[in-house]
Amino acid sequence: AILAIQGEAFRLEANVLELRRPLMGASVEVTSRVAYRLVRVADGAAVFTQEITAAYTAPFGAALIGVERLRLANEGSIRENIRLMLTALVAEDRANPMAFRARTHSS
């Protein structure tokens, strides 16, 4: 398992804050900045929040048409952004596994 979370339901919120794209170019680099928030459904607590910036370059040889290179760079940047978020989420779970568990209160 990627995460050791069992018996909990979460909602992942992702807000694209910025997508920097060039107008033209032989190689096209796109940089995405996304704010992630993982919320535990049971109590609405945000258990993970992080802003991730990731770049991806589509080289000229990836596609002859510039619009297609831009599409490839957009997709690559978002894919890399998600990969970095998952890596950070797994690292947070390993460093502080109890942060993802619902708190139980005794009376």
PDB file of N, CA and C in Angstrom:
ATOM      1  N   ALA A   1       0.845  -1.189   0.000  1.00  0.00           N
ATOM      2  CA  ALA A   1       0.000   0.000   0.000  1.00  0.00           C
ATOM      3  C   ALA A   1       0.879   1.237   0.000  1.00  0.00           C
ATOM      4  N   ILE A   2       0.424   2.232  -0.716  1.00  0.00           N
ATOM      5  CA  ILE A   2       1.168   3.485  -0.754  1.00  0.00           C
ATOM      6  C   ILE A   2       1.072   4.179   0.596  1.00  0.00           C
ATOM      7  N   LEU A   3      -0.143   4.266   1.117  1.00  0.00           N
ATOM      8  CA  LEU A   3      -0.362   4.885   2.414  1.00  0.00           C
ATOM      9  C   LEU A   3      -0.898   3.829   3.377  1.00  0.00           C
ATOM     10  N   ALA A   4      -0.579   3.979   4.634  1.00  0.00           N
ATOM     11  CA  ALA A   4      -1.014   3.019   5.649  1.00  0.00           C
ATOM     12  C   ALA A   4      -2.345   3.428   6.266  1.00  0.00           C
ATOM     13  N   ILE A   5      -3.148   4.182   5.542  1.00  0.00           N
ATOM     14  CA  ILE A   5      -4.424   4.675   6.053  1.00  0.00           C
ATOM     15  C   ILE A   5      -5.499   3.629   5.794  1.00  0.00           C
ATOM     16  N   GLN A   6      -6.173   3.200   6.856  1.00  0.00           N
ATOM     17  CA  GLN A   6      -7.256   2.235   6.720  1.00  0.00           C
ATOM     18  C   GLN A   6      -8.452   2.732   7.501  1.00  0.00           C
ATOM     19  N   GLY A   7      -9.627   2.483   6.965  1.00  0.00           N
ATOM     20  CA  GLY A   7     -10.842   2.835   7.671  1.00  0.00           C
ATOM     21  C   GLY A   7     -11.158   4.317   7.701  1.00  0.00           C
ATOM     22  N   GLU A   8     -10.519   5.095   6.894  1.00  0.00           N
ATOM     23  CA  GLU A   8     -10.765   6.536   6.831  1.00  0.00           C
ATOM     24  C   GLU A   8     -11.150   6.916   5.408  1.00  0.00           C
ATOM     25  N   ALA A   9     -11.995   7.919   5.273  1.00  0.00           N
ATOM     26  CA  ALA A   9     -12.350   8.458   3.963  1.00  0.00           C
ATOM     27  C   ALA A   9     -11.796   9.876   3.879  1.00  0.00           C
ATOM     28  N   PHE A  10     -11.233  10.206   2.727  1.00  0.00           N
ATOM     29  CA  PHE A  10     -10.622  11.511   2.517  1.00  0.00           C
ATOM     30  C   PHE A  10     -11.127  12.124   1.225  1.00  0.00           C
ATOM     31  N   ARG A  11     -11.069  13.437   1.170  1.00  0.00           N
ATOM     32  CA  ARG A  11     -11.373  14.189  -0.049  1.00  0.00           C
ATOM     33  C   ARG A  11     -10.127  14.991  -0.406  1.00  0.00           C
ATOM     34  N   LEU A  12      -9.671  14.846  -1.637  1.00  0.00           N
ATOM     35  CA  LEU A  12      -8.501  15.597  -2.093  1.00  0.00           C
ATOM     36  C   LEU A  12      -8.975  16.791  -2.900  1.00  0.00           C
ATOM     37  N   GLU A  13      -8.564  17.970  -2.475  1.00  0.00           N
ATOM     38  CA  GLU A  13      -8.885  19.200  -3.193  1.00  0.00           C
ATOM     39  C   GLU A  13      -7.615  19.688  -3.866  1.00  0.00           C
ATOM     40  N   ALA A  14      -7.718  20.041  -5.127  1.00  0.00           N
ATOM     41  CA  ALA A  14      -6.574  20.558  -5.879  1.00  0.00           C
ATOM     42  C   ALA A  14      -7.003  21.836  -6.576  1.00  0.00           C
ATOM     43  N   ASN A  15      -6.277  22.904  -6.336  1.00  0.00           N
ATOM     44  CA  ASN A  15      -6.584  24.201  -6.921  1.00  0.00           C
ATOM     45  C   ASN A  15      -5.380  24.660  -7.744  1.00  0.00           C
ATOM     46  N   VAL A  16      -5.553  24.747  -9.065  1.00  0.00           N
ATOM     47  CA  VAL A  16      -4.465  25.212  -9.931  1.00  0.00           C
ATOM     48  C   VAL A  16      -4.335  26.716  -9.726  1.00  0.00           C
ATOM     49  N   LEU A  17      -3.209  27.125  -9.156  1.00  0.00           N
ATOM     50  CA  LEU A  17      -2.975  28.534  -8.860  1.00  0.00           C
ATOM     51  C   LEU A  17      -2.354  29.262 -10.042  1.00  0.00           C
ATOM     52  N   GLU A  18      -1.534  28.535 -10.796  1.00  0.00           N
ATOM     53  CA  GLU A  18      -0.832  29.176 -11.910  1.00  0.00           C
ATOM     54  C   GLU A  18      -0.406  28.116 -12.916  1.00  0.00           C
ATOM     55  N   LEU A  19      -0.474  28.485 -14.183  1.00  0.00           N
ATOM     56  CA  LEU A  19       0.011  27.642 -15.265  1.00  0.00           C
ATOM     57  C   LEU A  19       0.770  28.565 -16.206  1.00  0.00           C
ATOM     58  N   ARG A  20       2.102  28.562 -16.060  1.00  0.00           N
ATOM     59  CA  ARG A  20       2.945  29.433 -16.897  1.00  0.00           C
ATOM     60  C   ARG A  20       3.273  28.707 -18.191  1.00  0.00           C
ATOM     61  N   ARG A  21       2.872  29.329 -19.299  1.00  0.00           N
ATOM     62  CA  ARG A  21       3.096  28.733 -20.607  1.00  0.00           C
ATOM     63  C   ARG A  21       3.678  29.785 -21.538  1.00  0.00           C
ATOM     64  N   PRO A  22       4.620  29.380 -22.378  1.00  0.00           N
ATOM     65  CA  PRO A  22       5.175  30.337 -23.353  1.00  0.00           C
ATOM     66  C   PRO A  22       4.193  30.515 -24.521  1.00  0.00           C
ATOM     67  N   LEU A  23       4.351  31.610 -25.235  1.00  0.00           N
ATOM     68  CA  LEU A  23       3.534  31.822 -26.419  1.00  0.00           C
ATOM     69  C   LEU A  23       4.001  30.947 -27.571  1.00  0.00           C
ATOM     70  N   MET A  24       5.294  30.855 -27.753  1.00  0.00           N
ATOM     71  CA  MET A  24       5.863  30.057 -28.843  1.00  0.00           C
ATOM     72  C   MET A  24       7.225  29.557 -28.390  1.00  0.00           C
ATOM     73  N   GLY A  25       7.761  28.616 -29.151  1.00  0.00           N
ATOM     74  CA  GLY A  25       9.106  28.134 -28.862  1.00  0.00           C
ATOM     75  C   GLY A  25       9.334  26.771 -29.460  1.00  0.00           C
ATOM     76  N   ALA A  26      10.595  26.490 -29.735  1.00  0.00           N
ATOM     77  CA  ALA A  26      10.948  25.175 -30.273  1.00  0.00           C
ATOM     78  C   ALA A  26      10.717  24.116 -29.187  1.00  0.00           C
ATOM     79  N   SER A  27      11.318  24.324 -28.026  1.00  0.00           N
ATOM     80  CA  SER A  27      11.038  23.491 -26.861  1.00  0.00           C
ATOM     81  C   SER A  27      10.072  24.280 -25.995  1.00  0.00           C
ATOM     82  N   VAL A  28       9.051  23.617 -25.502  1.00  0.00           N
ATOM     83  CA  VAL A  28       8.017  24.312 -24.736  1.00  0.00           C
ATOM     84  C   VAL A  28       8.064  23.835 -23.296  1.00  0.00           C
ATOM     85  N   GLU A  29       8.302  24.781 -22.367  1.00  0.00           N
ATOM     86  CA  GLU A  29       8.297  24.445 -20.943  1.00  0.00           C
ATOM     87  C   GLU A  29       7.066  25.067 -20.295  1.00  0.00           C
ATOM     88  N   VAL A  30       6.330  24.235 -19.562  1.00  0.00           N
ATOM     89  CA  VAL A  30       5.158  24.693 -18.825  1.00  0.00           C
ATOM     90  C   VAL A  30       5.420  24.422 -17.347  1.00  0.00           C
ATOM     91  N   THR A  31       5.087  25.387 -16.511  1.00  0.00           N
ATOM     92  CA  THR A  31       5.228  25.247 -15.062  1.00  0.00           C
ATOM     93  C   THR A  31       3.856  25.381 -14.424  1.00  0.00           C
ATOM     94  N   SER A  32       3.501  24.401 -13.614  1.00  0.00           N
ATOM     95  CA  SER A  32       2.218  24.428 -12.907  1.00  0.00           C
ATOM     96  C   SER A  32       2.467  24.623 -11.417  1.00  0.00           C
ATOM     97  N   ARG A  33       1.567  25.384 -10.800  1.00  0.00           N
ATOM     98  CA  ARG A  33       1.594  25.579  -9.345  1.00  0.00           C
ATOM     99  C   ARG A  33       0.210  25.220  -8.845  1.00  0.00           C
ATOM    100  N   VAL A  34       0.148  24.196  -7.986  1.00  0.00           N
ATOM    101  CA  VAL A  34      -1.128  23.665  -7.513  1.00  0.00           C
ATOM    102  C   VAL A  34      -1.123  23.604  -5.990  1.00  0.00           C
ATOM    103  N   ALA A  35      -2.227  24.030  -5.392  1.00  0.00           N
ATOM    104  CA  ALA A  35      -2.408  23.914  -3.937  1.00  0.00           C
ATOM    105  C   ALA A  35      -3.251  22.678  -3.676  1.00  0.00           C
ATOM    106  N   TYR A  36      -2.709  21.756  -2.888  1.00  0.00           N
ATOM    107  CA  TYR A  36      -3.404  20.514  -2.540  1.00  0.00           C
ATOM    108  C   TYR A  36      -3.850  20.573  -1.092  1.00  0.00           C
ATOM    109  N   ARG A  37      -4.986  19.952  -0.841  1.00  0.00           N
ATOM    110  CA  ARG A  37      -5.514  19.868   0.527  1.00  0.00           C
ATOM    111  C   ARG A  37      -6.220  18.524   0.649  1.00  0.00           C
ATOM    112  N   LEU A  38      -5.782  17.710   1.602  1.00  0.00           N
ATOM    113  CA  LEU A  38      -6.409  16.425   1.877  1.00  0.00           C
ATOM    114  C   LEU A  38      -7.233  16.583   3.145  1.00  0.00           C
ATOM    115  N   VAL A  39      -8.553  16.346   3.015  1.00  0.00           N
ATOM    116  CA  VAL A  39      -9.489  16.575   4.114  1.00  0.00           C
ATOM    117  C   VAL A  39     -10.082  15.244   4.554  1.00  0.00           C
ATOM    118  N   ARG A  40     -10.059  14.974   5.864  1.00  0.00           N
ATOM    119  CA  ARG A  40     -10.690  13.779   6.409  1.00  0.00           C
ATOM    120  C   ARG A  40     -12.199  14.028   6.428  1.00  0.00           C
ATOM    121  N   VAL A  41     -12.959  13.162   5.773  1.00  0.00           N
ATOM    122  CA  VAL A  41     -14.404  13.350   5.622  1.00  0.00           C
ATOM    123  C   VAL A  41     -15.119  13.307   6.970  1.00  0.00           C
ATOM    124  N   ALA A  42     -14.704  12.425   7.869  1.00  0.00           N
ATOM    125  CA  ALA A  42     -15.383  12.232   9.153  1.00  0.00           C
ATOM    126  C   ALA A  42     -15.523  13.518   9.960  1.00  0.00           C
ATOM    127  N   ASP A  43     -14.475  14.347   9.979  1.00  0.00           N
ATOM    128  CA  ASP A  43     -14.524  15.550  10.807  1.00  0.00           C
ATOM    129  C   ASP A  43     -14.158  16.834  10.068  1.00  0.00           C
ATOM    130  N   GLY A  44     -13.880  16.738   8.767  1.00  0.00           N
ATOM    131  CA  GLY A  44     -13.567  17.931   7.982  1.00  0.00           C
ATOM    132  C   GLY A  44     -12.189  18.503   8.241  1.00  0.00           C
ATOM    133  N   ALA A  45     -11.338  17.763   8.947  1.00  0.00           N
ATOM    134  CA  ALA A  45      -9.999  18.264   9.271  1.00  0.00           C
ATOM    135  C   ALA A  45      -9.072  18.141   8.065  1.00  0.00           C
ATOM    136  N   ALA A  46      -8.338  19.206   7.800  1.00  0.00           N
ATOM    137  CA  ALA A  46      -7.313  19.171   6.757  1.00  0.00           C
ATOM    138  C   ALA A  46      -6.095  18.475   7.352  1.00  0.00           C
ATOM    139  N   VAL A  47      -5.732  17.322   6.808  1.00  0.00           N
ATOM    140  CA  VAL A  47      -4.622  16.541   7.362  1.00  0.00           C
ATOM    141  C   VAL A  47      -3.349  16.711   6.551  1.00  0.00           C
ATOM    142  N   PHE A  48      -3.463  17.323   5.372  1.00  0.00           N
ATOM    143  CA  PHE A  48      -2.292  17.552   4.523  1.00  0.00           C
ATOM    144  C   PHE A  48      -2.596  18.747   3.628  1.00  0.00           C
ATOM    145  N   THR A  49      -1.725  19.744   3.678  1.00  0.00           N
ATOM    146  CA  THR A  49      -1.840  20.890   2.769  1.00  0.00           C
ATOM    147  C   THR A  49      -0.453  21.190   2.240  1.00  0.00           C
ATOM    148  N   GLN A  50      -0.378  21.363   0.954  1.00  0.00           N
ATOM    149  CA  GLN A  50       0.915  21.678   0.363  1.00  0.00           C
ATOM    150  C   GLN A  50       0.715  22.311  -1.009  1.00  0.00           C
ATOM    151  N   GLU A  51       1.579  23.263  -1.306  1.00  0.00           N
ATOM    152  CA  GLU A  51       1.606  23.887  -2.623  1.00  0.00           C
ATOM    153  C   GLU A  51       2.801  23.303  -3.373  1.00  0.00           C
ATOM    154  N   ILE A  52       2.563  22.818  -4.580  1.00  0.00           N
ATOM    155  CA  ILE A  52       3.598  22.156  -5.372  1.00  0.00           C
ATOM    156  C   ILE A  52       3.784  22.910  -6.687  1.00  0.00           C
ATOM    157  N   THR A  53       5.029  23.114  -7.066  1.00  0.00           N
ATOM    158  CA  THR A  53       5.373  23.704  -8.359  1.00  0.00           C
ATOM    159  C   THR A  53       6.178  22.680  -9.132  1.00  0.00           C
ATOM    160  N   ALA A  54       5.786  22.465 -10.398  1.00  0.00           N
ATOM    161  CA  ALA A  54       6.480  21.480 -11.224  1.00  0.00           C
ATOM    162  C   ALA A  54       6.546  21.969 -12.667  1.00  0.00           C
ATOM    163  N   ALA A  55       7.669  21.705 -13.296  1.00  0.00           N
ATOM    164  CA  ALA A  55       7.869  22.100 -14.694  1.00  0.00           C
ATOM    165  C   ALA A  55       8.069  20.858 -15.555  1.00  0.00           C
ATOM    166  N   TYR A  56       7.715  20.997 -16.808  1.00  0.00           N
ATOM    167  CA  TYR A  56       7.927  19.932 -17.787  1.00  0.00           C
ATOM    168  C   TYR A  56       8.214  20.594 -19.127  1.00  0.00           C
ATOM    169  N   THR A  57       9.211  20.061 -19.831  1.00  0.00           N
ATOM    170  CA  THR A  57       9.571  20.585 -21.142  1.00  0.00           C
ATOM    171  C   THR A  57       9.272  19.553 -22.212  1.00  0.00           C
ATOM    172  N   ALA A  58       8.507  19.985 -23.212  1.00  0.00           N
ATOM    173  CA  ALA A  58       8.256  19.156 -24.387  1.00  0.00           C
ATOM    174  C   ALA A  58       9.249  19.613 -25.455  1.00  0.00           C
ATOM    175  N   PRO A  59      10.205  18.769 -25.816  1.00  0.00           N
ATOM    176  CA  PRO A  59      11.209  19.170 -26.801  1.00  0.00           C
ATOM    177  C   PRO A  59      10.611  19.269 -28.205  1.00  0.00           C
ATOM    178  N   PHE A  60      11.307  19.949 -29.073  1.00  0.00           N
ATOM    179  CA  PHE A  60      10.836  20.142 -30.440  1.00  0.00           C
ATOM    180  C   PHE A  60      10.488  18.816 -31.102  1.00  0.00           C
ATOM    181  N   GLY A  61      11.289  17.795 -30.869  1.00  0.00           N
ATOM    182  CA  GLY A  61      11.070  16.497 -31.485  1.00  0.00           C
ATOM    183  C   GLY A  61       9.829  15.764 -30.992  1.00  0.00           C
ATOM    184  N   ALA A  62       9.211  16.223 -29.914  1.00  0.00           N
ATOM    185  CA  ALA A  62       8.020  15.563 -29.381  1.00  0.00           C
ATOM    186  C   ALA A  62       6.816  15.747 -30.303  1.00  0.00           C
ATOM    187  N   ALA A  63       6.757  16.865 -30.986  1.00  0.00           N
ATOM    188  CA  ALA A  63       5.666  17.148 -31.928  1.00  0.00           C
ATOM    189  C   ALA A  63       6.102  18.298 -32.830  1.00  0.00           C
ATOM    190  N   LEU A  64       5.786  18.192 -34.091  1.00  0.00           N
ATOM    191  CA  LEU A  64       6.177  19.243 -35.036  1.00  0.00           C
ATOM    192  C   LEU A  64       5.296  20.478 -34.915  1.00  0.00           C
ATOM    193  N   ILE A  65       4.054  20.301 -34.533  1.00  0.00           N
ATOM    194  CA  ILE A  65       3.119  21.422 -34.409  1.00  0.00           C
ATOM    195  C   ILE A  65       3.233  22.005 -33.002  1.00  0.00           C
ATOM    196  N   GLY A  66       3.412  23.323 -32.925  1.00  0.00           N
ATOM    197  CA  GLY A  66       3.607  24.003 -31.643  1.00  0.00           C
ATOM    198  C   GLY A  66       2.478  23.797 -30.656  1.00  0.00           C
ATOM    199  N   VAL A  67       1.239  23.806 -31.131  1.00  0.00           N
ATOM    200  CA  VAL A  67       0.091  23.622 -30.240  1.00  0.00           C
ATOM    201  C   VAL A  67       0.131  22.235 -29.602  1.00  0.00           C
ATOM    202  N   GLU A  68       0.570  21.248 -30.354  1.00  0.00           N
ATOM    203  CA  GLU A  68       0.675  19.888 -29.816  1.00  0.00           C
ATOM    204  C   GLU A  68       1.781  19.814 -28.765  1.00  0.00           C
ATOM    205  N   ARG A  69       2.922  20.481 -29.001  1.00  0.00           N
ATOM    206  CA  ARG A  69       3.995  20.525 -27.984  1.00  0.00           C
ATOM    207  C   ARG A  69       3.495  21.191 -26.714  1.00  0.00           C
ATOM    208  N   LEU A  70       2.695  22.253 -26.866  1.00  0.00           N
ATOM    209  CA  LEU A  70       2.143  22.946 -25.697  1.00  0.00           C
ATOM    210  C   LEU A  70       1.217  22.010 -24.919  1.00  0.00           C
ATOM    211  N   ARG A  71       0.382  21.250 -25.615  1.00  0.00           N
ATOM    212  CA  ARG A  71      -0.508  20.290 -24.950  1.00  0.00           C
ATOM    213  C   ARG A  71       0.305  19.245 -24.193  1.00  0.00           C
ATOM    214  N   LEU A  72       1.349  18.727 -24.833  1.00  0.00           N
ATOM    215  CA  LEU A  72       2.210  17.732 -24.184  1.00  0.00           C
ATOM    216  C   LEU A  72       2.895  18.314 -22.948  1.00  0.00           C
ATOM    217  N   ALA A  73       3.341  19.562 -23.044  1.00  0.00           N
ATOM    218  CA  ALA A  73       4.002  20.214 -21.902  1.00  0.00           C
ATOM    219  C   ALA A  73       3.013  20.466 -20.771  1.00  0.00           C
ATOM    220  N   ASN A  74       1.787  20.889 -21.109  1.00  0.00           N
ATOM    221  CA  ASN A  74       0.741  21.078 -20.084  1.00  0.00           C
ATOM    222  C   ASN A  74       0.494  19.778 -19.335  1.00  0.00           C
ATOM    223  N   GLU A  75       0.266  18.708 -20.082  1.00  0.00           N
ATOM    224  CA  GLU A  75      -0.008  17.408 -19.480  1.00  0.00           C
ATOM    225  C   GLU A  75       1.176  16.914 -18.656  1.00  0.00           C
ATOM    226  N   GLY A  76       2.377  17.094 -19.182  1.00  0.00           N
ATOM    227  CA  GLY A  76       3.576  16.658 -18.467  1.00  0.00           C
ATOM    228  C   GLY A  76       3.772  17.406 -17.161  1.00  0.00           C
ATOM    229  N   SER A  77       3.513  18.713 -17.167  1.00  0.00           N
ATOM    230  CA  SER A  77       3.669  19.517 -15.953  1.00  0.00           C
ATOM    231  C   SER A  77       2.672  19.094 -14.887  1.00  0.00           C
ATOM    232  N   ILE A  78       1.427  18.873 -15.268  1.00  0.00           N
ATOM    233  CA  ILE A  78       0.414  18.451 -14.295  1.00  0.00           C
ATOM    234  C   ILE A  78       0.716  17.045 -13.785  1.00  0.00           C
ATOM    235  N   ARG A  79       1.137  16.164 -14.673  1.00  0.00           N
ATOM    236  CA  ARG A  79       1.493  14.795 -14.267  1.00  0.00           C
ATOM    237  C   ARG A  79       2.649  14.832 -13.253  1.00  0.00           C
ATOM    238  N   GLU A  80       3.665  15.650 -13.517  1.00  0.00           N
ATOM    239  CA  GLU A  80       4.800  15.784 -12.597  1.00  0.00           C
ATOM    240  C   GLU A  80       4.350  16.400 -11.274  1.00  0.00           C
ATOM    241  N   ASN A  81       3.433  17.349 -11.337  1.00  0.00           N
ATOM    242  CA  ASN A  81       2.912  17.985 -10.128  1.00  0.00           C
ATOM    243  C   ASN A  81       2.214  16.952  -9.254  1.00  0.00           C
ATOM    244  N   ILE A  82       1.381  16.112  -9.866  1.00  0.00           N
ATOM    245  CA  ILE A  82       0.677  15.056  -9.113  1.00  0.00           C
ATOM    246  C   ILE A  82       1.673  14.067  -8.523  1.00  0.00           C
ATOM    247  N   ARG A  83       2.700  13.706  -9.294  1.00  0.00           N
ATOM    248  CA  ARG A  83       3.719  12.776  -8.797  1.00  0.00           C
ATOM    249  C   ARG A  83       4.412  13.349  -7.555  1.00  0.00           C
ATOM    250  N   LEU A  84       4.775  14.627  -7.612  1.00  0.00           N
ATOM    251  CA  LEU A  84       5.437  15.267  -6.473  1.00  0.00           C
ATOM    252  C   LEU A  84       4.510  15.348  -5.260  1.00  0.00           C
ATOM    253  N   MET A  85       3.206  15.603  -5.498  1.00  0.00           N
ATOM    254  CA  MET A  85       2.241  15.643  -4.395  1.00  0.00           C
ATOM    255  C   MET A  85       2.128  14.276  -3.740  1.00  0.00           C
ATOM    256  N   LEU A  86       2.037  13.209  -4.544  1.00  0.00           N
ATOM    257  CA  LEU A  86       1.934  11.859  -3.977  1.00  0.00           C
ATOM    258  C   LEU A  86       3.185  11.501  -3.180  1.00  0.00           C
ATOM    259  N   THR A  87       4.350  11.895  -3.687  1.00  0.00           N
ATOM    260  CA  THR A  87       5.607  11.661  -2.967  1.00  0.00           C
ATOM    261  C   THR A  87       5.599  12.393  -1.625  1.00  0.00           C
ATOM    262  N   ALA A  88       5.142  13.642  -1.619  1.00  0.00           N
ATOM    263  CA  ALA A  88       5.076  14.418  -0.376  1.00  0.00           C
ATOM    264  C   ALA A  88       4.050  13.829   0.590  1.00  0.00           C
ATOM    265  N   LEU A  89       2.931  13.356   0.061  1.00  0.00           N
ATOM    266  CA  LEU A  89       1.887  12.763   0.898  1.00  0.00           C
ATOM    267  C   LEU A  89       2.378  11.484   1.570  1.00  0.00           C
ATOM    268  N   VAL A  90       3.056  10.634   0.818  1.00  0.00           N
ATOM    269  CA  VAL A  90       3.602   9.395   1.380  1.00  0.00           C
ATOM    270  C   VAL A  90       4.657   9.724   2.438  1.00  0.00           C
ATOM    271  N   ALA A  91       5.514  10.709   2.160  1.00  0.00           N
ATOM    272  CA  ALA A  91       6.546  11.101   3.127  1.00  0.00           C
ATOM    273  C   ALA A  91       5.911  11.626   4.407  1.00  0.00           C
ATOM    274  N   GLU A  92       4.840  12.406   4.287  1.00  0.00           N
ATOM    275  CA  GLU A  92       4.150  12.932   5.468  1.00  0.00           C
ATOM    276  C   GLU A  92       3.518  11.805   6.273  1.00  0.00           C
ATOM    277  N   ASP A  93       2.917  10.832   5.581  1.00  0.00           N
ATOM    278  CA  ASP A  93       2.302   9.694   6.277  1.00  0.00           C
ATOM    279  C   ASP A  93       3.358   8.890   7.022  1.00  0.00           C
ATOM    280  N   ARG A  94       4.516   8.720   6.413  1.00  0.00           N
ATOM    281  CA  ARG A  94       5.588   7.960   7.072  1.00  0.00           C
ATOM    282  C   ARG A  94       6.175   8.721   8.252  1.00  0.00           C
ATOM    283  N   ALA A  95       6.276  10.035   8.126  1.00  0.00           N
ATOM    284  CA  ALA A  95       6.861  10.852   9.193  1.00  0.00           C
ATOM    285  C   ALA A  95       5.886  11.043  10.357  1.00  0.00           C
ATOM    286  N   ASN A  96       4.595  11.129  10.046  1.00  0.00           N
ATOM    287  CA  ASN A  96       3.606  11.414  11.079  1.00  0.00           C
ATOM    288  C   ASN A  96       2.312  10.655  10.786  1.00  0.00           C
ATOM    289  N   PRO A  97       2.317   9.324  10.906  1.00  0.00           N
ATOM    290  CA  PRO A  97       1.144   8.531  10.520  1.00  0.00           C
ATOM    291  C   PRO A  97      -0.118   8.852  11.313  1.00  0.00           C
ATOM    292  N   MET A  98       0.018   9.281  12.543  1.00  0.00           N
ATOM    293  CA  MET A  98      -1.164   9.553  13.357  1.00  0.00           C
ATOM    294  C   MET A  98      -1.908  10.810  12.890  1.00  0.00           C
ATOM    295  N   ALA A  99      -1.272  11.661  12.112  1.00  0.00           N
ATOM    296  CA  ALA A  99      -1.925  12.880  11.627  1.00  0.00           C
ATOM    297  C   ALA A  99      -3.101  12.556  10.713  1.00  0.00           C
ATOM    298  N   PHE A 100      -3.101  11.370  10.112  1.00  0.00           N
ATOM    299  CA  PHE A 100      -4.151  10.994   9.174  1.00  0.00           C
ATOM    300  C   PHE A 100      -5.302  10.243   9.836  1.00  0.00           C
ATOM    301  N   ARG A 101      -5.175   9.908  11.102  1.00  0.00           N
ATOM    302  CA  ARG A 101      -6.207   9.156  11.806  1.00  0.00           C
ATOM    303  C   ARG A 101      -7.150  10.103  12.523  1.00  0.00           C
ATOM    304  N   ALA A 102      -8.420   9.745  12.565  1.00  0.00           N
ATOM    305  CA  ALA A 102      -9.399  10.544  13.285  1.00  0.00           C
ATOM    306  C   ALA A 102      -9.094  10.498  14.769  1.00  0.00           C
ATOM    307  N   ARG A 103      -9.268  11.585  15.412  1.00  0.00           N
ATOM    308  CA  ARG A 103      -9.056  11.649  16.866  1.00  0.00           C
ATOM    309  C   ARG A 103     -10.287  11.051  17.555  1.00  0.00           C
ATOM    310  N   THR A 104     -10.064  10.227  18.540  1.00  0.00           N
ATOM    311  CA  THR A 104     -11.186   9.702  19.326  1.00  0.00           C
ATOM    312  C   THR A 104     -11.177  10.412  20.658  1.00  0.00           C
ATOM    313  N   HIS A 105     -12.341  10.828  21.075  1.00  0.00           N
ATOM    314  CA  HIS A 105     -12.465  11.567  22.348  1.00  0.00           C
ATOM    315  C   HIS A 105     -13.192  10.698  23.362  1.00  0.00           C
ATOM    316  N   SER A 106     -12.656  10.628  24.566  1.00  0.00           N
ATOM    317  CA  SER A 106     -13.335   9.888  25.629  1.00  0.00           C
ATOM    318  C   SER A 106     -13.941  10.887  26.598  1.00  0.00           C
ATOM    319  N   SER A 107     -15.099  10.547  27.129  1.00  0.00           N
ATOM    320  CA  SER A 107     -15.810  11.460  28.041  1.00  0.00           C
ATOM    321  C   SER A 107     -15.467  11.172  29.457  1.00  0.00           C
TER     322      SER A 107
END
